[in-house]
Amino acid sequence: MAGSTHTVTNQPPPLLGYDVYGADRALVDAVERHLDPELLEEARGELSALGRAAGSAQLHEWAIQANAYPPVLHTHDRYGHRVDEVEFHPAWHRLLGKGVGAGLTAAWVRPGGHVRRAAGFVVWTQVEAGNGCPLSMTHAAVPALRADPALAAEWEPRLTSTIYEREMRPAHLKAGVLFGMGMTEKQGGSDVRANTTSARPLAQDGTYELTGHKWFCSAPMSDAFLVLAQAPEGLTCFLVPRVLEDGTRNVFRLQRLKDKLGNRSNASAEVEFDGTWARRVGEEGRGVRTIIGMVAATRLDCVLGSAGLMRAAVAQAAHHCAYREAFGGKLLDKPLMRNVLADLALESEAATTLGLRLAAAYDDGGEQERALLRVAVPAAKYWVTKRCAPVVVEAAECLGGNGYVEESGMPRLVRESPLNSVWEGAGSVQALDLLRALQRESQALNASLQEVGRARGADHRLDAAIKDLLTDLADLEGAEARARRLAERFALVLQGSLLVRFAPPEVADAFCASRLGGDWGATFGTLPHSLDLGALVERARPVA
């Protein structure tokens, strides 16, 4: 008979068996706000089905397996032939297949596709963030390929397919494909114009031979990659297929896999090109302009991915505190813990609200919305991705020592949390991109001011923040040293304006008081006690 000390008490049940989408009120509200009414019923069904899958014990187990058994590089077969393949655990393929099947690469060909996909991406990130990388790059390759209508006609149906085929064979024989990207090199990093990979024209028009390397190439088992290389007329974008049309392997030499802090389930490789066949995308010498559409789309996915990670962490923290008892009552009912949870929930909701607003701008596609994206995406990417790590770490602390144990799932979220701030240009790159857009594109500046101006007069703290922002924007000459401060203010005003317009009053009030009004400390859990903190926590708490 077991001793009494082995009786387990005061432990919360696992947060499983629930609809991850339906339990996220901020996400549901954003979808219903931005999606055309005639699409809502279908979208609700799809997203709830994805949400139930995301909350299932089965997918939770697959996520654990995909991270416990990370990818393995095989450069040669047993006979000494180069194979340059990465072996993934079966759970990785199952998760990736479900992500593709859920339409997470199909936004460009569906009505309301970007809002629906953005919501799905937020949900799916909460299952396992690593497979979000190939899903994101495949989705984002479409606008880059549209620089060459013939290439787009050939590849877009496969990119936007809901069929996942893992086998390596010529792309024209597959119903669905995945894309990767290779821009950074060890000597340049974010300074892609310093790239040294060379492209030599071949006899067939538009085809080249590449020689060089890429320092980071994620998802190296993808069917094709968009890469930058130096052609005779300058830096140019190229499509590099993994397998050529005749079935032979293209020269794609995997040197090693990166041993990363997080994102362990996803392979990131160093790749060498040596006579690698490639096809030009867009004009020679205009590689950055060609690939910038892909970069912008993946940057938005960094925002959405960080919003998903924050939501996952806050949901776990709120769930734990709803069951855990200490000092004579539920943690959720303790005033100080309630303040911490409310503060975390506020950050999570602001990130989700901003991310879905930008996805809706993609769906609109109008000139005004495109102009807004040129400034709002780098601002959001800068701020939201930087807020992710402190939110996740604080949420893990809400579980106490339990949150430091691998089985809780929180350490995996902690390791993942800094990635999106680094991927697709670190913080200073985003701040400088925002500054350049504001300096060079008056239409982009006007679009952003019109967006925040829709909420003017609704909250005096927001009005004051807008006034301060206008003062900053009045003098952008020599502003590089304060570009980060500008990006932060820009993002906070955008978030505040959206919450004032669309969120429940208690959410907007708390955001404006703390993030815009300055009634806030240097750590989470320092909101003014006079706010309706209980309502914020209840809104964020997932109901399994």
Protein backbone atom coordinates (compact mmCIF):
# COMPACT_ATOMS: atom_id res chain seq x y z
CA MET A 1 0.00 0.00 0.00
CA ALA A 2 1.37 3.40 -0.99
CA GLY A 3 2.43 5.69 1.80
CA SER A 4 0.48 8.89 2.44
CA THR A 5 3.39 10.99 1.22
CA HIS A 6 2.83 9.60 -2.27
CA THR A 7 -0.65 11.07 -2.55
CA VAL A 8 -0.61 13.82 -5.18
CA THR A 9 -2.53 16.93 -4.18
CA ASN A 10 -2.64 20.58 -5.16
CA GLN A 11 -1.46 19.96 -8.72
CA PRO A 12 -3.44 21.32 -11.70
CA PRO A 13 -4.70 18.91 -14.37
CA PRO A 14 -2.92 19.02 -17.74
CA LEU A 15 -4.15 21.78 -20.03
CA LEU A 16 -5.31 19.36 -22.73
CA GLY A 17 -8.49 18.37 -24.50
CA TYR A 18 -9.75 21.84 -25.33
CA ASP A 19 -10.11 24.20 -28.30
CA VAL A 20 -6.99 26.39 -28.36
CA TYR A 21 -8.66 28.77 -30.81
CA GLY A 22 -12.07 29.01 -29.16
CA ALA A 23 -10.53 29.58 -25.72
CA ASP A 24 -8.57 32.61 -26.95
CA ARG A 25 -11.10 35.43 -26.78
CA ALA A 26 -8.76 38.06 -28.17
CA LEU A 27 -8.03 35.90 -31.22
CA VAL A 28 -11.67 35.00 -31.81
CA ASP A 29 -12.67 38.66 -31.56
CA ALA A 30 -9.97 39.68 -34.05
CA VAL A 31 -11.05 37.07 -36.61
CA GLU A 32 -14.70 38.11 -36.35
CA ARG A 33 -13.69 41.76 -36.60
CA HIS A 34 -11.63 41.46 -39.76
CA LEU A 35 -13.26 38.65 -41.71
CA ASP A 36 -16.18 39.20 -44.07
CA PRO A 37 -19.41 37.95 -42.44
CA GLU A 38 -20.09 35.47 -45.24
CA LEU A 39 -16.78 33.73 -44.50
CA LEU A 40 -17.19 33.53 -40.74
CA GLU A 41 -19.09 30.27 -40.40
CA GLU A 42 -16.60 28.35 -42.53
CA ALA A 43 -13.63 30.00 -40.82
CA ARG A 44 -14.99 29.27 -37.35
CA GLY A 45 -15.35 25.61 -38.24
CA GLU A 46 -11.85 25.35 -39.67
CA LEU A 47 -10.16 27.24 -36.85
CA SER A 48 -12.04 25.38 -34.13
CA ALA A 49 -11.07 22.07 -35.72
CA LEU A 50 -7.45 23.20 -35.77
CA GLY A 51 -7.82 24.49 -32.21
CA ARG A 52 -9.16 21.14 -30.97
CA ALA A 53 -6.30 19.33 -32.67
CA ALA A 54 -3.81 21.78 -31.15
CA GLY A 55 -5.25 21.13 -27.69
CA SER A 56 -5.23 17.35 -28.01
CA ALA A 57 -3.02 14.98 -26.05
CA GLN A 58 -1.90 13.32 -29.29
CA LEU A 59 -0.40 16.45 -30.84
CA HIS A 60 1.09 17.42 -27.51
CA GLU A 61 2.94 14.09 -27.53
CA TRP A 62 4.10 14.61 -31.13
CA ALA A 63 5.51 18.01 -30.17
CA ILE A 64 7.47 16.45 -27.32
CA GLN A 65 8.84 13.76 -29.63
CA ALA A 66 9.84 16.21 -32.37
CA ASN A 67 11.94 18.13 -29.85
CA ALA A 68 13.27 15.14 -27.92
CA TYR A 69 14.61 13.61 -31.15
CA PRO A 70 16.06 16.54 -33.14
CA PRO A 71 17.00 16.28 -36.83
CA VAL A 72 20.11 14.33 -37.83
CA LEU A 73 22.38 15.22 -40.76
CA HIS A 74 23.55 12.51 -43.18
CA THR A 75 26.15 13.89 -45.58
CA HIS A 76 27.11 10.53 -47.17
CA ASP A 77 25.60 7.10 -47.62
CA ARG A 78 27.34 3.89 -46.54
CA TYR A 79 29.25 3.72 -49.83
CA GLY A 80 30.67 7.23 -49.62
CA HIS A 81 28.27 8.97 -52.00
CA ARG A 82 27.06 12.41 -50.96
CA VAL A 83 23.38 12.42 -50.06
CA ASP A 84 23.09 15.66 -48.04
CA GLU A 85 19.88 14.72 -46.29
CA VAL A 86 18.39 15.54 -42.92
CA GLU A 87 16.43 12.88 -41.07
CA PHE A 88 13.48 14.04 -38.97
CA HIS A 89 11.47 12.14 -36.39
CA PRO A 90 8.11 10.91 -37.77
CA ALA A 91 6.33 13.27 -35.36
CA TRP A 92 7.87 16.24 -37.21
CA HIS A 93 6.38 15.07 -40.49
CA ARG A 94 2.99 14.44 -38.89
CA LEU A 95 2.89 17.95 -37.46
CA LEU A 96 4.13 19.56 -40.67
CA GLY A 97 1.56 17.61 -42.68
CA LYS A 98 -1.23 18.83 -40.44
CA GLY A 99 -0.01 22.42 -40.72
CA VAL A 100 0.01 22.26 -44.52
CA GLY A 101 -3.35 20.49 -44.53
CA ALA A 102 -4.83 23.26 -42.38
CA GLY A 103 -4.06 25.82 -45.10
CA LEU A 104 -1.14 27.52 -43.38
CA THR A 105 0.56 27.94 -46.77
CA ALA A 106 -2.61 28.74 -48.74
CA ALA A 107 -3.42 32.33 -47.71
CA TRP A 108 -2.83 33.87 -51.14
CA VAL A 109 -5.52 31.84 -52.93
CA ARG A 110 -8.38 31.96 -50.40
CA PRO A 111 -10.87 34.74 -49.64
CA GLY A 112 -9.92 36.25 -46.32
CA GLY A 113 -6.95 33.94 -46.49
CA HIS A 114 -4.46 36.05 -44.56
CA VAL A 115 -6.67 36.61 -41.51
CA ARG A 116 -7.68 32.95 -41.45
CA ARG A 117 -4.09 31.80 -41.85
CA ALA A 118 -2.79 34.30 -39.28
CA ALA A 119 -5.22 32.98 -36.68
CA GLY A 120 -4.25 29.43 -37.58
CA PHE A 121 -0.55 30.27 -37.34
CA VAL A 122 -1.05 31.72 -33.83
CA VAL A 123 -2.85 28.52 -32.83
CA TRP A 124 -0.34 26.20 -34.48
CA THR A 125 2.68 27.91 -32.93
CA GLN A 126 1.30 26.87 -29.55
CA VAL A 127 1.63 23.21 -30.52
CA GLU A 128 5.21 23.22 -31.79
CA ALA A 129 6.92 26.33 -33.06
CA GLY A 130 9.72 24.63 -35.03
CA ASN A 131 7.59 23.52 -37.97
CA GLY A 132 6.35 27.09 -38.30
CA CYS A 133 9.60 27.90 -40.13
CA PRO A 134 8.97 25.88 -43.34
CA LEU A 135 5.28 26.82 -43.21
CA SER A 136 6.20 30.50 -43.01
CA MET A 137 8.81 30.45 -45.77
CA THR A 138 6.56 28.49 -48.11
CA HIS A 139 3.74 30.97 -47.54
CA ALA A 140 6.09 33.92 -47.97
CA ALA A 141 7.70 32.70 -51.21
CA VAL A 142 4.58 33.54 -53.23
CA PRO A 143 4.98 37.35 -53.41
CA ALA A 144 8.66 37.00 -54.36
CA LEU A 145 7.92 34.56 -57.18
CA ARG A 146 5.24 36.88 -58.53
CA ALA A 147 8.11 39.08 -59.76
CA ASP A 148 8.36 36.46 -62.53
CA PRO A 149 4.84 35.58 -63.80
CA ALA A 150 6.05 32.40 -65.52
CA LEU A 151 7.70 31.12 -62.35
CA ALA A 152 4.67 32.06 -60.28
CA ALA A 153 2.34 30.18 -62.63
CA GLU A 154 4.56 27.11 -62.37
CA TRP A 155 5.18 27.05 -58.62
CA GLU A 156 2.30 28.84 -56.91
CA PRO A 157 -0.25 25.99 -57.17
CA ARG A 158 2.22 23.67 -55.44
CA LEU A 159 3.18 26.26 -52.80
CA THR A 160 -0.43 26.92 -51.85
CA SER A 161 -1.43 23.26 -51.87
CA THR A 162 -2.82 21.59 -48.75
CA ILE A 163 -0.95 18.37 -49.56
CA TYR A 164 2.34 17.58 -47.83
CA GLU A 165 4.73 15.27 -49.69
CA ARG A 166 7.97 14.63 -47.85
CA GLU A 167 9.75 12.56 -50.54
CA MET A 168 12.61 14.14 -52.49
CA ARG A 169 11.70 14.10 -56.16
CA PRO A 170 11.28 16.66 -58.97
CA ALA A 171 8.81 19.34 -57.98
CA HIS A 172 6.72 18.94 -61.11
CA LEU A 173 5.88 15.42 -59.93
CA LYS A 174 4.60 16.60 -56.54
CA ALA A 175 1.17 17.90 -55.56
CA GLY A 176 2.61 20.17 -52.88
CA VAL A 177 6.04 21.63 -52.12
CA LEU A 178 7.86 23.52 -49.38
CA PHE A 179 10.23 26.45 -49.84
CA GLY A 180 13.19 27.69 -47.86
CA MET A 181 15.35 30.78 -48.02
CA GLY A 182 19.09 31.48 -48.04
CA MET A 183 20.22 35.08 -47.66
CA THR A 184 22.70 35.45 -44.79
CA GLU A 185 26.38 34.64 -45.09
CA LYS A 186 29.00 34.43 -42.38
CA GLN A 187 30.77 37.63 -43.39
CA GLY A 188 27.62 39.70 -43.81
CA GLY A 189 24.71 38.55 -41.66
CA SER A 190 21.92 41.10 -42.12
CA ASP A 191 24.10 43.07 -44.55
CA VAL A 192 23.06 40.95 -47.52
CA ARG A 193 24.69 43.33 -50.00
CA ALA A 194 28.01 42.02 -48.65
CA ASN A 195 27.14 38.54 -49.95
CA THR A 196 29.92 36.81 -51.88
CA THR A 197 28.03 33.88 -53.44
CA SER A 198 28.50 34.28 -57.19
CA ALA A 199 26.10 33.54 -60.05
CA ARG A 200 27.51 32.74 -63.50
CA PRO A 201 25.05 32.90 -66.41
CA LEU A 202 24.54 29.66 -68.36
CA ALA A 203 23.60 29.24 -72.02
CA GLN A 204 19.87 28.88 -71.32
CA ASP A 205 18.30 32.28 -70.69
CA GLY A 206 17.57 32.93 -67.02
CA THR A 207 19.67 30.03 -65.71
CA TYR A 208 22.85 30.33 -63.68
CA GLU A 209 25.48 28.38 -61.82
CA LEU A 210 25.99 29.36 -58.17
CA THR A 211 29.21 29.11 -56.17
CA GLY A 212 29.38 30.10 -52.52
CA HIS A 213 27.81 29.43 -49.16
CA LYS A 214 24.91 30.34 -46.89
CA TRP A 215 25.47 30.61 -43.15
CA PHE A 216 21.84 29.98 -42.19
CA CYS A 217 19.47 27.90 -44.28
CA SER A 218 16.50 26.61 -42.31
CA ALA A 219 14.38 23.63 -43.33
CA PRO A 220 17.09 22.34 -45.71
CA MET A 221 14.95 19.42 -46.90
CA SER A 222 12.56 21.82 -48.64
CA ASP A 223 11.86 21.35 -52.34
CA ALA A 224 13.34 24.70 -53.39
CA PHE A 225 14.97 27.80 -51.97
CA LEU A 226 15.08 31.48 -52.76
CA VAL A 227 18.66 32.71 -52.40
CA LEU A 228 20.62 35.87 -53.09
CA ALA A 229 23.84 35.83 -55.12
CA GLN A 230 26.05 38.27 -57.02
CA ALA A 231 25.29 38.17 -60.76
CA PRO A 232 27.12 40.31 -63.35
CA GLU A 233 24.65 43.19 -62.80
CA GLY A 234 24.66 42.91 -59.01
CA LEU A 235 22.81 41.16 -56.19
CA THR A 236 20.06 38.99 -57.66
CA CYS A 237 17.38 36.60 -56.44
CA PHE A 238 17.47 32.97 -57.58
CA LEU A 239 15.32 29.88 -57.25
CA VAL A 240 17.39 26.81 -56.35
CA PRO A 241 15.54 23.48 -56.64
CA ARG A 242 16.64 20.63 -54.40
CA VAL A 243 16.01 18.05 -57.15
CA LEU A 244 16.37 18.86 -60.86
CA GLU A 245 13.69 18.07 -63.42
CA ASP A 246 15.51 14.95 -64.64
CA GLY A 247 15.49 13.52 -61.11
CA THR A 248 19.15 14.18 -60.27
CA ARG A 249 20.08 15.99 -57.07
CA ASN A 250 21.14 19.60 -57.39
CA VAL A 251 24.47 20.45 -55.73
CA PHE A 252 23.31 21.40 -52.23
CA ARG A 253 26.03 20.43 -49.79
CA LEU A 254 25.00 20.49 -46.15
CA GLN A 255 28.11 21.21 -44.10
CA ARG A 256 26.60 20.98 -40.64
CA LEU A 257 23.43 21.65 -38.66
CA LYS A 258 23.35 24.50 -36.18
CA ASP A 259 23.22 23.57 -32.51
CA LYS A 260 20.59 26.13 -31.52
CA LEU A 261 19.27 27.47 -28.24
CA GLY A 262 15.68 26.62 -29.17
CA ASN A 263 13.75 25.68 -32.29
CA ARG A 264 15.37 22.27 -31.82
CA SER A 265 12.91 20.30 -33.93
CA ASN A 266 13.71 22.37 -37.01
CA ALA A 267 16.99 21.93 -38.88
CA SER A 268 19.07 25.00 -39.70
CA ALA A 269 22.08 24.28 -41.89
CA GLU A 270 25.18 25.74 -43.43
CA VAL A 271 25.03 25.12 -47.17
CA GLU A 272 27.71 25.18 -49.86
CA PHE A 273 26.96 25.78 -53.55
CA ASP A 274 29.47 24.46 -56.07
CA GLY A 275 28.14 24.59 -59.61
CA THR A 276 24.58 24.64 -58.27
CA TRP A 277 21.89 25.13 -60.90
CA ALA A 278 19.58 28.10 -60.32
CA ARG A 279 16.94 30.09 -62.12
CA ARG A 280 16.78 33.86 -61.87
CA VAL A 281 13.75 35.46 -60.21
CA GLY A 282 13.15 39.04 -61.31
CA GLU A 283 15.79 41.27 -62.86
CA GLU A 284 19.53 41.05 -62.36
CA GLY A 285 20.78 43.46 -59.77
CA ARG A 286 17.37 43.83 -58.11
CA GLY A 287 17.55 40.89 -55.74
CA VAL A 288 16.65 42.77 -52.58
CA ARG A 289 13.62 44.38 -54.21
CA THR A 290 12.52 40.98 -55.51
CA ILE A 291 12.83 39.11 -52.24
CA ILE A 292 11.52 41.91 -50.02
CA GLY A 293 7.95 40.62 -50.35
CA MET A 294 9.06 37.32 -48.88
CA VAL A 295 10.93 39.09 -46.10
CA ALA A 296 7.91 41.25 -45.19
CA ALA A 297 5.62 38.21 -45.02
CA THR A 298 8.02 36.24 -42.83
CA ARG A 299 8.46 39.28 -40.58
CA LEU A 300 4.72 39.35 -40.00
CA ASP A 301 4.93 35.65 -39.16
CA CYS A 302 7.54 36.55 -36.54
CA VAL A 303 4.91 38.81 -34.96
CA LEU A 304 2.24 36.10 -35.17
CA GLY A 305 4.60 33.42 -33.91
CA SER A 306 5.58 35.53 -30.91
CA ALA A 307 1.91 36.25 -30.22
CA GLY A 308 1.30 32.49 -30.26
CA LEU A 309 4.16 31.79 -27.88
CA MET A 310 2.96 34.49 -25.50
CA ARG A 311 -0.57 33.14 -25.61
CA ALA A 312 0.64 29.60 -24.90
CA ALA A 313 2.67 30.77 -21.90
CA VAL A 314 -0.09 32.99 -20.48
CA ALA A 315 -2.67 30.22 -20.91
CA GLN A 316 -0.48 27.78 -19.00
CA ALA A 317 0.16 30.31 -16.23
CA ALA A 318 -3.50 31.24 -15.82
CA HIS A 319 -4.54 27.58 -15.90
CA HIS A 320 -1.98 26.65 -13.23
CA CYS A 321 -3.01 29.51 -10.96
CA ALA A 322 -6.69 28.65 -11.30
CA TYR A 323 -6.05 25.28 -9.62
CA ARG A 324 -2.97 25.79 -7.45
CA GLU A 325 -3.60 26.77 -3.83
CA ALA A 326 -1.19 28.65 -1.57
CA PHE A 327 -1.53 30.67 1.61
CA GLY A 328 -5.15 29.74 2.09
CA GLY A 329 -6.62 30.19 -1.38
CA LYS A 330 -6.28 29.84 -5.15
CA LEU A 331 -3.29 31.65 -6.62
CA LEU A 332 -5.63 33.19 -9.19
CA ASP A 333 -7.47 34.99 -6.37
CA LYS A 334 -4.36 36.46 -4.75
CA PRO A 335 -4.18 40.19 -5.55
CA LEU A 336 -0.49 40.21 -6.44
CA MET A 337 -0.63 37.11 -8.65
CA ARG A 338 -3.74 38.51 -10.29
CA ASN A 339 -1.77 41.64 -11.13
CA VAL A 340 1.01 39.57 -12.71
CA LEU A 341 -1.40 37.49 -14.79
CA ALA A 342 -3.36 40.55 -15.89
CA ASP A 343 -0.18 42.29 -16.99
CA LEU A 344 0.94 39.26 -18.99
CA ALA A 345 -2.53 38.86 -20.51
CA LEU A 346 -2.48 42.50 -21.58
CA GLU A 347 0.80 42.04 -23.45
CA SER A 348 -0.51 38.89 -25.12
CA GLU A 349 -3.77 40.48 -26.27
CA ALA A 350 -2.02 43.57 -27.63
CA ALA A 351 0.31 41.36 -29.70
CA THR A 352 -2.54 39.27 -31.09
CA THR A 353 -4.66 42.31 -31.92
CA LEU A 354 -1.85 44.03 -33.81
CA GLY A 355 -0.81 40.86 -35.68
CA LEU A 356 -4.33 40.17 -36.94
CA ARG A 357 -4.80 43.80 -37.98
CA LEU A 358 -1.72 43.55 -40.20
CA ALA A 359 -2.94 40.27 -41.68
CA ALA A 360 -6.20 42.01 -42.56
CA ALA A 361 -4.18 44.68 -44.40
CA TYR A 362 -2.76 41.92 -46.61
CA ASP A 363 -6.28 40.70 -47.38
CA ASP A 364 -7.45 44.22 -48.26
CA GLY A 365 -4.54 44.73 -50.66
CA GLY A 366 -5.39 48.38 -51.30
CA GLU A 367 -2.78 51.08 -51.74
CA GLN A 368 -3.51 52.60 -48.32
CA GLU A 369 -3.16 49.25 -46.57
CA ARG A 370 0.04 48.38 -48.42
CA ALA A 371 1.48 51.72 -47.33
CA LEU A 372 0.51 50.98 -43.72
CA LEU A 373 2.29 47.62 -43.86
CA ARG A 374 5.56 49.23 -44.91
CA VAL A 375 5.87 50.96 -41.54
CA ALA A 376 3.67 48.84 -39.28
CA VAL A 377 5.37 45.51 -40.03
CA PRO A 378 8.91 46.54 -38.98
CA ALA A 379 7.52 48.38 -35.94
CA ALA A 380 5.45 45.38 -34.88
CA LYS A 381 8.27 42.96 -35.60
CA TYR A 382 10.62 45.06 -33.49
CA TRP A 383 8.35 45.42 -30.47
CA VAL A 384 6.22 42.28 -30.28
CA THR A 385 9.11 39.87 -30.76
CA LYS A 386 11.10 41.67 -28.06
CA ARG A 387 8.21 41.41 -25.61
CA CYS A 388 7.96 37.66 -26.12
CA ALA A 389 10.91 36.50 -24.01
CA PRO A 390 10.10 38.49 -20.85
CA VAL A 391 6.43 37.45 -21.07
CA VAL A 392 7.28 33.76 -21.41
CA VAL A 393 9.89 33.84 -18.63
CA GLU A 394 7.49 35.58 -16.25
CA ALA A 395 4.72 33.14 -17.14
CA ALA A 396 7.04 30.23 -16.38
CA GLU A 397 7.77 31.78 -12.99
CA CYS A 398 4.04 31.73 -12.23
CA LEU A 399 4.37 27.93 -12.10
CA GLY A 400 7.24 28.21 -9.62
CA GLY A 401 9.68 25.32 -9.71
CA ASN A 402 7.20 23.33 -11.81
CA GLY A 403 7.76 25.81 -14.63
CA TYR A 404 11.48 25.13 -14.60
CA VAL A 405 10.95 21.42 -15.19
CA GLU A 406 11.06 20.20 -18.79
CA GLU A 407 7.86 18.16 -18.47
CA SER A 408 5.84 21.33 -17.94
CA GLY A 409 6.57 22.46 -21.50
CA MET A 410 7.54 25.93 -20.27
CA PRO A 411 11.32 25.52 -20.83
CA ARG A 412 10.66 24.78 -24.51
CA LEU A 413 8.66 28.02 -24.75
CA VAL A 414 11.44 29.91 -22.96
CA ARG A 415 14.10 28.60 -25.36
CA GLU A 416 11.92 29.47 -28.35
CA SER A 417 10.96 32.95 -27.14
CA PRO A 418 14.01 34.98 -28.37
CA LEU A 419 14.08 33.48 -31.88
CA ASN A 420 11.60 35.69 -33.69
CA SER A 421 13.46 38.80 -32.56
CA VAL A 422 16.58 37.51 -34.33
CA TRP A 423 15.02 35.86 -37.39
CA GLU A 424 14.52 38.02 -40.50
CA GLY A 425 16.55 40.91 -39.13
CA ALA A 426 17.26 41.65 -35.49
CA GLY A 427 15.87 44.63 -33.60
CA SER A 428 18.14 47.34 -34.96
CA VAL A 429 17.48 46.21 -38.54
CA GLN A 430 13.73 46.58 -37.97
CA ALA A 431 14.13 50.00 -36.36
CA LEU A 432 16.26 51.22 -39.26
CA ASP A 433 13.81 49.82 -41.83
CA LEU A 434 11.00 51.69 -40.09
CA LEU A 435 13.06 54.87 -40.11
CA ARG A 436 13.84 54.56 -43.82
CA ALA A 437 10.17 54.01 -44.66
CA LEU A 438 9.15 57.06 -42.66
CA GLN A 439 11.84 59.22 -44.28
CA ARG A 440 11.29 58.13 -47.87
CA GLU A 441 7.60 57.29 -48.17
CA SER A 442 5.19 60.04 -47.19
CA GLN A 443 2.27 57.81 -48.10
CA ALA A 444 3.39 55.21 -45.57
CA LEU A 445 3.65 57.84 -42.85
CA ASN A 446 0.21 59.24 -43.73
CA ALA A 447 -1.36 55.79 -43.71
CA SER A 448 -0.01 55.02 -40.26
CA LEU A 449 -1.12 58.37 -38.85
CA GLN A 450 -4.60 57.84 -40.27
CA GLU A 451 -4.71 54.42 -38.65
CA VAL A 452 -3.89 55.65 -35.14
CA GLY A 453 -5.95 58.78 -35.70
CA ARG A 454 -9.14 56.71 -35.85
CA ALA A 455 -8.93 56.38 -32.07
CA ARG A 456 -8.10 59.98 -31.23
CA GLY A 457 -10.35 61.53 -28.64
CA ALA A 458 -11.29 58.22 -27.05
CA ASP A 459 -8.58 58.19 -24.34
CA HIS A 460 -6.52 61.14 -23.12
CA ARG A 461 -3.44 58.96 -22.52
CA LEU A 462 -3.53 57.69 -26.10
CA ASP A 463 -3.99 61.24 -27.36
CA ALA A 464 -0.90 62.35 -25.43
CA ALA A 465 1.11 59.42 -26.79
CA ILE A 466 0.08 60.30 -30.35
CA LYS A 467 1.14 63.89 -29.75
CA ASP A 468 4.54 62.75 -28.49
CA LEU A 469 4.92 60.47 -31.50
CA LEU A 470 4.14 63.35 -33.87
CA THR A 471 6.86 65.38 -32.17
CA ASP A 472 9.33 62.56 -32.76
CA LEU A 473 8.27 62.26 -36.40
CA ALA A 474 8.67 65.97 -37.03
CA ASP A 475 12.46 65.64 -37.16
CA LEU A 476 13.79 62.42 -38.67
CA GLU A 477 17.14 63.77 -39.81
CA GLY A 478 19.97 62.13 -37.90
CA ALA A 479 17.44 59.94 -36.12
CA GLU A 480 19.39 56.67 -36.35
CA ALA A 481 20.52 56.76 -32.71
CA ARG A 482 16.90 57.01 -31.55
CA ALA A 483 15.42 54.61 -34.09
CA ARG A 484 14.71 51.92 -31.47
CA ARG A 485 12.88 54.39 -29.27
CA LEU A 486 10.86 55.51 -32.27
CA ALA A 487 9.97 51.92 -33.20
CA GLU A 488 8.86 51.19 -29.65
CA ARG A 489 6.65 54.26 -29.46
CA PHE A 490 5.22 53.60 -32.89
CA ALA A 491 4.25 50.03 -32.00
CA LEU A 492 2.75 50.99 -28.64
CA VAL A 493 0.62 53.72 -30.19
CA LEU A 494 -0.58 51.28 -32.86
CA GLN A 495 -1.48 48.72 -30.21
CA GLY A 496 -3.14 51.31 -28.02
CA SER A 497 -5.25 52.70 -30.85
CA LEU A 498 -6.48 49.23 -31.79
CA LEU A 499 -7.32 48.25 -28.21
CA VAL A 500 -9.16 51.52 -27.59
CA ARG A 501 -11.25 50.92 -30.69
CA PHE A 502 -11.90 47.20 -30.37
CA ALA A 503 -11.00 45.64 -27.00
CA PRO A 504 -13.23 45.55 -23.90
CA PRO A 505 -12.98 48.81 -21.91
CA GLU A 506 -11.03 47.20 -19.06
CA VAL A 507 -8.36 45.99 -21.50
CA ALA A 508 -7.99 49.34 -23.24
CA ASP A 509 -7.96 51.19 -19.91
CA ALA A 510 -5.20 48.99 -18.50
CA PHE A 511 -3.09 49.28 -21.64
CA CYS A 512 -3.37 53.06 -21.83
CA ALA A 513 -2.71 53.50 -18.12
CA SER A 514 0.41 51.35 -18.13
CA ARG A 515 2.00 51.30 -21.59
CA LEU A 516 1.02 54.83 -22.64
CA GLY A 517 0.26 56.65 -19.39
CA GLY A 518 3.40 55.55 -17.57
CA ASP A 519 1.64 54.10 -14.50
CA TRP A 520 3.70 50.94 -14.68
CA GLY A 521 6.84 49.49 -13.14
CA ALA A 522 9.87 47.87 -14.72
CA THR A 523 8.53 44.32 -14.27
CA PHE A 524 5.23 42.54 -14.83
CA GLY A 525 2.71 42.68 -12.01
CA THR A 526 3.00 46.42 -11.50
CA LEU A 527 -0.32 47.57 -13.00
CA PRO A 528 -2.33 50.18 -11.05
CA HIS A 529 -4.36 48.31 -8.44
CA SER A 530 -7.44 50.38 -9.27
CA LEU A 531 -7.85 48.62 -12.64
CA ASP A 532 -10.27 45.76 -13.19
CA LEU A 533 -7.53 43.13 -13.03
CA GLY A 534 -9.91 40.25 -12.43
CA ALA A 535 -11.69 40.88 -15.73
CA LEU A 536 -8.36 40.83 -17.61
CA VAL A 537 -7.36 37.52 -16.06
CA GLU A 538 -10.75 35.91 -16.63
CA ARG A 539 -10.66 36.95 -20.29
CA ALA A 540 -7.25 35.32 -20.72
CA ARG A 541 -7.93 32.11 -18.79
CA PRO A 542 -8.43 29.07 -21.06
CA VAL A 543 -11.40 26.91 -20.19
CA ALA A 544 -10.52 23.30 -20.98
